PDB file of N, CA and C in Angstrom:
ATOM      1  N   MET A   1      33.872  56.207  -3.392  1.00  0.00           N
ATOM      2  CA  MET A   1      34.572  57.434  -3.093  1.00  0.00           C
ATOM      3  C   MET A   1      33.934  58.085  -1.871  1.00  0.00           C
ATOM      4  N   LYS A   2      34.735  58.451  -0.919  1.00  0.00           N
ATOM      5  CA  LYS A   2      34.256  59.064   0.310  1.00  0.00           C
ATOM      6  C   LYS A   2      34.133  60.573   0.135  1.00  0.00           C
ATOM      7  N   ARG A   3      32.990  61.115   0.536  1.00  0.00           N
ATOM      8  CA  ARG A   3      32.772  62.561   0.468  1.00  0.00           C
ATOM      9  C   ARG A   3      32.995  63.158   1.838  1.00  0.00           C
ATOM     10  N   THR A   4      33.612  64.293   1.868  1.00  0.00           N
ATOM     11  CA  THR A   4      33.798  64.981   3.141  1.00  0.00           C
ATOM     12  C   THR A   4      32.861  66.168   3.208  1.00  0.00           C
ATOM     13  N   SER A   5      32.392  66.419   4.373  1.00  0.00           N
ATOM     14  CA  SER A   5      31.495  67.552   4.592  1.00  0.00           C
ATOM     15  C   SER A   5      32.235  68.589   5.413  1.00  0.00           C
ATOM     16  N   ARG A   6      32.405  69.753   4.843  1.00  0.00           N
ATOM     17  CA  ARG A   6      33.100  70.836   5.538  1.00  0.00           C
ATOM     18  C   ARG A   6      32.142  71.982   5.778  1.00  0.00           C
ATOM     19  N   THR A   7      32.328  72.645   6.884  1.00  0.00           N
ATOM     20  CA  THR A   7      31.500  73.813   7.174  1.00  0.00           C
ATOM     21  C   THR A   7      32.027  75.010   6.399  1.00  0.00           C
ATOM     22  N   LEU A   8      31.200  76.006   6.293  1.00  0.00           N
ATOM     23  CA  LEU A   8      31.608  77.236   5.618  1.00  0.00           C
ATOM     24  C   LEU A   8      32.837  77.834   6.295  1.00  0.00           C
ATOM     25  N   GLU A   9      32.847  77.814   7.618  1.00  0.00           N
ATOM     26  CA  GLU A   9      34.002  78.371   8.341  1.00  0.00           C
ATOM     27  C   GLU A   9      35.268  77.588   8.024  1.00  0.00           C
ATOM     28  N   GLU A  10      35.157  76.282   7.897  1.00  0.00           N
ATOM     29  CA  GLU A  10      36.328  75.476   7.550  1.00  0.00           C
ATOM     30  C   GLU A  10      36.836  75.815   6.157  1.00  0.00           C
ATOM     31  N   MET A  11      35.932  76.107   5.249  1.00  0.00           N
ATOM     32  CA  MET A  11      36.319  76.420   3.873  1.00  0.00           C
ATOM     33  C   MET A  11      36.884  77.828   3.733  1.00  0.00           C
ATOM     34  N   LEU A  12      36.281  78.774   4.431  1.00  0.00           N
ATOM     35  CA  LEU A  12      36.658  80.174   4.259  1.00  0.00           C
ATOM     36  C   LEU A  12      37.525  80.721   5.383  1.00  0.00           C
ATOM     37  N   GLY A  13      37.588  80.028   6.472  1.00  0.00           N
ATOM     38  CA  GLY A  13      38.313  80.532   7.629  1.00  0.00           C
ATOM     39  C   GLY A  13      37.355  81.245   8.557  1.00  0.00           C
ATOM     40  N   PRO A  14      37.842  81.633   9.719  1.00  0.00           N
ATOM     41  CA  PRO A  14      36.961  82.295  10.685  1.00  0.00           C
ATOM     42  C   PRO A  14      36.490  83.656  10.175  1.00  0.00           C
ATOM     43  N   ILE A  15      35.300  84.031  10.608  1.00  0.00           N
ATOM     44  CA  ILE A  15      34.748  85.335  10.238  1.00  0.00           C
ATOM     45  C   ILE A  15      35.354  86.378  11.170  1.00  0.00           C
ATOM     46  N   PRO A  16      35.950  87.429  10.610  1.00  0.00           N
ATOM     47  CA  PRO A  16      36.534  88.470  11.472  1.00  0.00           C
ATOM     48  C   PRO A  16      35.461  89.095  12.367  1.00  0.00           C
ATOM     49  N   PRO A  17      35.811  89.418  13.603  1.00  0.00           N
ATOM     50  CA  PRO A  17      34.830  89.970  14.545  1.00  0.00           C
ATOM     51  C   PRO A  17      34.105  91.216  14.028  1.00  0.00           C
ATOM     52  N   ASN A  18      34.816  92.096  13.316  1.00  0.00           N
ATOM     53  CA  ASN A  18      34.152  93.314  12.819  1.00  0.00           C
ATOM     54  C   ASN A  18      33.104  92.986  11.766  1.00  0.00           C
ATOM     55  N   VAL A  19      33.365  91.978  10.954  1.00  0.00           N
ATOM     56  CA  VAL A  19      32.392  91.574   9.929  1.00  0.00           C
ATOM     57  C   VAL A  19      31.190  90.927  10.604  1.00  0.00           C
ATOM     58  N   GLN A  20      31.431  90.081  11.602  1.00  0.00           N
ATOM     59  CA  GLN A  20      30.327  89.449  12.328  1.00  0.00           C
ATOM     60  C   GLN A  20      29.480  90.496  13.030  1.00  0.00           C
ATOM     61  N   ALA A  21      30.115  91.503  13.620  1.00  0.00           N
ATOM     62  CA  ALA A  21      29.379  92.573  14.301  1.00  0.00           C
ATOM     63  C   ALA A  21      28.510  93.355  13.317  1.00  0.00           C
ATOM     64  N   GLU A  22      29.044  93.610  12.122  1.00  0.00           N
ATOM     65  CA  GLU A  22      28.278  94.331  11.095  1.00  0.00           C
ATOM     66  C   GLU A  22      27.057  93.530  10.665  1.00  0.00           C
ATOM     67  N   VAL A  23      27.244  92.253  10.434  1.00  0.00           N
ATOM     68  CA  VAL A  23      26.132  91.386  10.026  1.00  0.00           C
ATOM     69  C   VAL A  23      25.080  91.320  11.126  1.00  0.00           C
ATOM     70  N   ASP A  24      25.535  91.127  12.361  1.00  0.00           N
ATOM     71  CA  ASP A  24      24.597  91.060  13.488  1.00  0.00           C
ATOM     72  C   ASP A  24      23.790  92.344  13.605  1.00  0.00           C
ATOM     73  N   LEU A  25      24.446  93.494  13.504  1.00  0.00           N
ATOM     74  CA  LEU A  25      23.754  94.778  13.614  1.00  0.00           C
ATOM     75  C   LEU A  25      22.759  94.973  12.473  1.00  0.00           C
ATOM     76  N   SER A  26      23.149  94.588  11.275  1.00  0.00           N
ATOM     77  CA  SER A  26      22.240  94.713  10.128  1.00  0.00           C
ATOM     78  C   SER A  26      20.960  93.921  10.350  1.00  0.00           C
ATOM     79  N   PHE A  27      21.096  92.702  10.865  1.00  0.00           N
ATOM     80  CA  PHE A  27      19.909  91.883  11.119  1.00  0.00           C
ATOM     81  C   PHE A  27      19.106  92.413  12.300  1.00  0.00           C
ATOM     82  N   GLU A  28      19.757  92.970  13.306  1.00  0.00           N
ATOM     83  CA  GLU A  28      19.026  93.563  14.420  1.00  0.00           C
ATOM     84  C   GLU A  28      18.185  94.740  13.942  1.00  0.00           C
ATOM     85  N   ILE A  29      18.730  95.559  13.056  1.00  0.00           N
ATOM     86  CA  ILE A  29      17.997  96.706  12.521  1.00  0.00           C
ATOM     87  C   ILE A  29      16.800  96.238  11.701  1.00  0.00           C
ATOM     88  N   SER A  30      17.020  95.266  10.819  1.00  0.00           N
ATOM     89  CA  SER A  30      15.906  94.787   9.991  1.00  0.00           C
ATOM     90  C   SER A  30      14.832  94.128  10.854  1.00  0.00           C
ATOM     91  N   ASP A  31      15.234  93.398  11.889  1.00  0.00           N
ATOM     92  CA  ASP A  31      14.261  92.790  12.804  1.00  0.00           C
ATOM     93  C   ASP A  31      13.470  93.859  13.546  1.00  0.00           C
ATOM     94  N   ARG A  32      14.141  94.933  13.939  1.00  0.00           N
ATOM     95  CA  ARG A  32      13.463  96.023  14.655  1.00  0.00           C
ATOM     96  C   ARG A  32      12.420  96.695  13.765  1.00  0.00           C
ATOM     97  N   ILE A  33      12.792  96.950  12.516  1.00  0.00           N
ATOM     98  CA  ILE A  33      11.843  97.561  11.572  1.00  0.00           C
ATOM     99  C   ILE A  33      10.654  96.638  11.365  1.00  0.00           C
ATOM    100  N   ASP A  34      10.919  95.355  11.179  1.00  0.00           N
ATOM    101  CA  ASP A  34       9.842  94.379  10.980  1.00  0.00           C
ATOM    102  C   ASP A  34       8.911  94.350  12.187  1.00  0.00           C
ATOM    103  N   THR A  35       9.470  94.369  13.378  1.00  0.00           N
ATOM    104  CA  THR A  35       8.658  94.368  14.600  1.00  0.00           C
ATOM    105  C   THR A  35       7.775  95.615  14.671  1.00  0.00           C
ATOM    106  N   LEU A  36       8.354  96.772  14.397  1.00  0.00           N
ATOM    107  CA  LEU A  36       7.583  98.017  14.441  1.00  0.00           C
ATOM    108  C   LEU A  36       6.496  98.057  13.377  1.00  0.00           C
ATOM    109  N   MET A  37       6.793  97.521  12.195  1.00  0.00           N
ATOM    110  CA  MET A  37       5.762  97.429  11.144  1.00  0.00           C
ATOM    111  C   MET A  37       4.604  96.561  11.616  1.00  0.00           C
ATOM    112  N   LYS A  38       4.919  95.406  12.207  1.00  0.00           N
ATOM    113  CA  LYS A  38       3.878  94.485  12.672  1.00  0.00           C
ATOM    114  C   LYS A  38       3.059  95.110  13.789  1.00  0.00           C
ATOM    115  N   GLN A  39       3.717  95.867  14.684  1.00  0.00           N
ATOM    116  CA  GLN A  39       2.985  96.536  15.765  1.00  0.00           C
ATOM    117  C   GLN A  39       1.975  97.529  15.216  1.00  0.00           C
ATOM    118  N   ARG A  40       2.297  98.139  14.101  1.00  0.00           N
ATOM    119  CA  ARG A  40       1.382  99.098  13.456  1.00  0.00           C
ATOM    120  C   ARG A  40       0.433  98.427  12.478  1.00  0.00           C
ATOM    121  N   GLY A  41       0.614  97.142  12.237  1.00  0.00           N
ATOM    122  CA  GLY A  41      -0.244  96.421  11.302  1.00  0.00           C
ATOM    123  C   GLY A  41       0.000  96.802   9.856  1.00  0.00           C
ATOM    124  N   LEU A  42       1.241  97.162   9.544  1.00  0.00           N
ATOM    125  CA  LEU A  42       1.584  97.605   8.194  1.00  0.00           C
ATOM    126  C   LEU A  42       2.165  96.471   7.357  1.00  0.00           C
ATOM    127  N   SER A  43       1.654  96.326   6.156  1.00  0.00           N
ATOM    128  CA  SER A  43       2.264  95.425   5.189  1.00  0.00           C
ATOM    129  C   SER A  43       3.452  96.155   4.563  1.00  0.00           C
ATOM    130  N   LYS A  44       4.273  95.427   3.827  1.00  0.00           N
ATOM    131  CA  LYS A  44       5.395  96.072   3.126  1.00  0.00           C
ATOM    132  C   LYS A  44       4.877  97.150   2.184  1.00  0.00           C
ATOM    133  N   LYS A  45       3.802  96.840   1.489  1.00  0.00           N
ATOM    134  CA  LYS A  45       3.244  97.795   0.530  1.00  0.00           C
ATOM    135  C   LYS A  45       2.733  99.048   1.239  1.00  0.00           C
ATOM    136  N   GLN A  46       2.019  98.883   2.321  1.00  0.00           N
ATOM    137  CA  GLN A  46       1.502 100.028   3.069  1.00  0.00           C
ATOM    138  C   GLN A  46       2.639 100.872   3.644  1.00  0.00           C
ATOM    139  N   PHE A  47       3.651 100.201   4.169  1.00  0.00           N
ATOM    140  CA  PHE A  47       4.808 100.883   4.729  1.00  0.00           C
ATOM    141  C   PHE A  47       5.525 101.677   3.649  1.00  0.00           C
ATOM    142  N   ALA A  48       5.720 101.057   2.507  1.00  0.00           N
ATOM    143  CA  ALA A  48       6.388 101.730   1.383  1.00  0.00           C
ATOM    144  C   ALA A  48       5.599 102.969   0.959  1.00  0.00           C
ATOM    145  N   GLU A  49       4.295 102.834   0.836  1.00  0.00           N
ATOM    146  CA  GLU A  49       3.452 103.960   0.424  1.00  0.00           C
ATOM    147  C   GLU A  49       3.519 105.090   1.451  1.00  0.00           C
ATOM    148  N   ALA A  50       3.509 104.743   2.735  1.00  0.00           N
ATOM    149  CA  ALA A  50       3.564 105.760   3.794  1.00  0.00           C
ATOM    150  C   ALA A  50       4.872 106.548   3.765  1.00  0.00           C
ATOM    151  N   LEU A  51       5.947 105.887   3.318  1.00  0.00           N
ATOM    152  CA  LEU A  51       7.263 106.529   3.269  1.00  0.00           C
ATOM    153  C   LEU A  51       7.606 107.089   1.892  1.00  0.00           C
ATOM    154  N   GLY A  52       6.749 106.842   0.913  1.00  0.00           N
ATOM    155  CA  GLY A  52       7.044 107.290  -0.446  1.00  0.00           C
ATOM    156  C   GLY A  52       8.174 106.485  -1.084  1.00  0.00           C
ATOM    157  N   ARG A  53       8.256 105.220  -0.731  1.00  0.00           N
ATOM    158  CA  ARG A  53       9.295 104.320  -1.249  1.00  0.00           C
ATOM    159  C   ARG A  53       8.653 103.194  -2.035  1.00  0.00           C
ATOM    160  N   ARG A  54       9.484 102.457  -2.759  1.00  0.00           N
ATOM    161  CA  ARG A  54       9.002 101.277  -3.483  1.00  0.00           C
ATOM    162  C   ARG A  54       8.996 100.067  -2.552  1.00  0.00           C
ATOM    163  N   PRO A  55       8.025  99.165  -2.709  1.00  0.00           N
ATOM    164  CA  PRO A  55       8.014  97.949  -1.886  1.00  0.00           C
ATOM    165  C   PRO A  55       9.312  97.149  -1.998  1.00  0.00           C
ATOM    166  N   SER A  56       9.962  97.188  -3.152  1.00  0.00           N
ATOM    167  CA  SER A  56      11.224  96.456  -3.314  1.00  0.00           C
ATOM    168  C   SER A  56      12.315  97.007  -2.382  1.00  0.00           C
ATOM    169  N   GLU A  57      12.263  98.308  -2.107  1.00  0.00           N
ATOM    170  CA  GLU A  57      13.229  98.894  -1.186  1.00  0.00           C
ATOM    171  C   GLU A  57      12.975  98.407   0.236  1.00  0.00           C
ATOM    172  N   ILE A  58      11.707  98.289   0.606  1.00  0.00           N
ATOM    173  CA  ILE A  58      11.359  97.790   1.934  1.00  0.00           C
ATOM    174  C   ILE A  58      11.805  96.336   2.064  1.00  0.00           C
ATOM    175  N   THR A  59      11.622  95.570   1.020  1.00  0.00           N
ATOM    176  CA  THR A  59      12.081  94.180   1.023  1.00  0.00           C
ATOM    177  C   THR A  59      13.586  94.116   1.261  1.00  0.00           C
ATOM    178  N   LYS A  60      14.334  95.001   0.625  1.00  0.00           N
ATOM    179  CA  LYS A  60      15.782  95.041   0.825  1.00  0.00           C
ATOM    180  C   LYS A  60      16.110  95.423   2.265  1.00  0.00           C
ATOM    181  N   TRP A  61      15.391  96.392   2.821  1.00  0.00           N
ATOM    182  CA  TRP A  61      15.623  96.790   4.210  1.00  0.00           C
ATOM    183  C   TRP A  61      15.414  95.602   5.147  1.00  0.00           C
ATOM    184  N   LEU A  62      14.367  94.833   4.892  1.00  0.00           N
ATOM    185  CA  LEU A  62      14.014  93.730   5.778  1.00  0.00           C
ATOM    186  C   LEU A  62      14.872  92.490   5.558  1.00  0.00           C
ATOM    187  N   SER A  63      15.687  92.492   4.531  1.00  0.00           N
ATOM    188  CA  SER A  63      16.537  91.335   4.232  1.00  0.00           C
ATOM    189  C   SER A  63      17.741  91.241   5.167  1.00  0.00           C
ATOM    190  N   GLY A  64      18.062  92.341   5.838  1.00  0.00           N
ATOM    191  CA  GLY A  64      19.234  92.366   6.699  1.00  0.00           C
ATOM    192  C   GLY A  64      20.516  92.645   5.940  1.00  0.00           C
ATOM    193  N   GLN A  65      20.391  93.003   4.671  1.00  0.00           N
ATOM    194  CA  GLN A  65      21.572  93.235   3.844  1.00  0.00           C
ATOM    195  C   GLN A  65      21.697  94.673   3.373  1.00  0.00           C
ATOM    196  N   HIS A  66      20.842  95.546   3.883  1.00  0.00           N
ATOM    197  CA  HIS A  66      20.869  96.948   3.463  1.00  0.00           C
ATOM    198  C   HIS A  66      21.820  97.730   4.358  1.00  0.00           C
ATOM    199  N   ASN A  67      22.583  98.621   3.763  1.00  0.00           N
ATOM    200  CA  ASN A  67      23.490  99.483   4.521  1.00  0.00           C
ATOM    201  C   ASN A  67      22.778 100.819   4.757  1.00  0.00           C
ATOM    202  N   PHE A  68      22.118 100.943   5.904  1.00  0.00           N
ATOM    203  CA  PHE A  68      21.331 102.131   6.208  1.00  0.00           C
ATOM    204  C   PHE A  68      22.202 103.357   6.439  1.00  0.00           C
ATOM    205  N   THR A  69      21.735 104.485   5.948  1.00  0.00           N
ATOM    206  CA  THR A  69      22.389 105.755   6.266  1.00  0.00           C
ATOM    207  C   THR A  69      21.798 106.260   7.576  1.00  0.00           C
ATOM    208  N   ILE A  70      22.511 107.161   8.202  1.00  0.00           N
ATOM    209  CA  ILE A  70      22.010 107.780   9.430  1.00  0.00           C
ATOM    210  C   ILE A  70      20.720 108.536   9.132  1.00  0.00           C
ATOM    211  N   ALA A  71      20.660 109.171   7.966  1.00  0.00           N
ATOM    212  CA  ALA A  71      19.449 109.916   7.588  1.00  0.00           C
ATOM    213  C   ALA A  71      18.236 108.982   7.498  1.00  0.00           C
ATOM    214  N   THR A  72      18.415 107.810   6.921  1.00  0.00           N
ATOM    215  CA  THR A  72      17.299 106.863   6.803  1.00  0.00           C
ATOM    216  C   THR A  72      16.890 106.349   8.177  1.00  0.00           C
ATOM    217  N   LEU A  73      17.868 106.035   9.025  1.00  0.00           N
ATOM    218  CA  LEU A  73      17.547 105.571  10.374  1.00  0.00           C
ATOM    219  C   LEU A  73      16.806 106.651  11.166  1.00  0.00           C
ATOM    220  N   ALA A  74      17.215 107.905  10.999  1.00  0.00           N
ATOM    221  CA  ALA A  74      16.531 109.012  11.673  1.00  0.00           C
ATOM    222  C   ALA A  74      15.103 109.165  11.150  1.00  0.00           C
ATOM    223  N   MET A  75      14.926 109.041   9.845  1.00  0.00           N
ATOM    224  CA  MET A  75      13.593 109.146   9.251  1.00  0.00           C
ATOM    225  C   MET A  75      12.693 108.030   9.773  1.00  0.00           C
ATOM    226  N   LEU A  76      13.226 106.813   9.856  1.00  0.00           N
ATOM    227  CA  LEU A  76      12.435 105.681  10.349  1.00  0.00           C
ATOM    228  C   LEU A  76      12.095 105.861  11.830  1.00  0.00           C
ATOM    229  N   SER A  77      13.043 106.344  12.610  1.00  0.00           N
ATOM    230  CA  SER A  77      12.773 106.607  14.030  1.00  0.00           C
ATOM    231  C   SER A  77      11.669 107.646  14.183  1.00  0.00           C
ATOM    232  N   SER A  78      11.704 108.671  13.350  1.00  0.00           N
ATOM    233  CA  SER A  78      10.671 109.704  13.381  1.00  0.00           C
ATOM    234  C   SER A  78       9.317 109.127  12.969  1.00  0.00           C
ATOM    235  N   PHE A  79       9.301 108.318  11.926  1.00  0.00           N
ATOM    236  CA  PHE A  79       8.062 107.710  11.443  1.00  0.00           C
ATOM    237  C   PHE A  79       7.413 106.869  12.534  1.00  0.00           C
ATOM    238  N   PHE A  80       8.196 106.033  13.196  1.00  0.00           N
ATOM    239  CA  PHE A  80       7.654 105.133  14.207  1.00  0.00           C
ATOM    240  C   PHE A  80       7.517 105.798  15.582  1.00  0.00           C
ATOM    241  N   GLY A  81       8.173 106.945  15.766  1.00  0.00           N
ATOM    242  CA  GLY A  81       8.132 107.599  17.066  1.00  0.00           C
ATOM    243  C   GLY A  81       8.941 106.841  18.111  1.00  0.00           C
ATOM    244  N   GLN A  82       9.863 106.008  17.647  1.00  0.00           N
ATOM    245  CA  GLN A  82      10.718 105.210  18.511  1.00  0.00           C
ATOM    246  C   GLN A  82      12.075 105.050  17.861  1.00  0.00           C
ATOM    247  N   SER A  83      13.090 104.864  18.672  1.00  0.00           N
ATOM    248  CA  SER A  83      14.429 104.649  18.132  1.00  0.00           C
ATOM    249  C   SER A  83      14.498 103.318  17.392  1.00  0.00           C
ATOM    250  N   ILE A  84      15.228 103.335  16.291  1.00  0.00           N
ATOM    251  CA  ILE A  84      15.501 102.091  15.564  1.00  0.00           C
ATOM    252  C   ILE A  84      16.733 101.433  16.169  1.00  0.00           C
ATOM    253  N   ILE A  85      17.723 102.240  16.522  1.00  0.00           N
ATOM    254  CA  ILE A  85      18.926 101.737  17.198  1.00  0.00           C
ATOM    255  C   ILE A  85      19.210 102.606  18.403  1.00  0.00           C
ATOM    256  N   ARG A  86      19.933 102.056  19.325  1.00  0.00           N
ATOM    257  CA  ARG A  86      20.366 102.802  20.505  1.00  0.00           C
ATOM    258  C   ARG A  86      21.894 102.801  20.525  1.00  0.00           C
ATOM    259  N   VAL A  87      22.462 103.942  20.844  1.00  0.00           N
ATOM    260  CA  VAL A  87      23.902 104.078  20.904  1.00  0.00           C
ATOM    261  C   VAL A  87      24.301 104.291  22.353  1.00  0.00           C
ATOM    262  N   GLY A  88      25.315 103.554  22.757  1.00  0.00           N
ATOM    263  CA  GLY A  88      25.861 103.765  24.094  1.00  0.00           C
ATOM    264  C   GLY A  88      25.390 102.837  25.134  1.00  0.00           C
TER     265      GLY A  88
END
């Protein structure tokens, strides 16, 4: 019996541009947070403690699957003294 190998896109169809843009932005944000943490030498646990959050929440942020609120992004920008995202 011959097996066929299909890609995810072939099985599900093309990914809509707005969904791809959302995924890309989510990963860019998580990568930015990870970079800023590393620049400060912070572990997930240390970062969580500094923000009064649980380490599991930081893990979710860094997974690229968290839907950040503007308030959280502003708080993180204030904490790091640098923008997390740039608009425009």
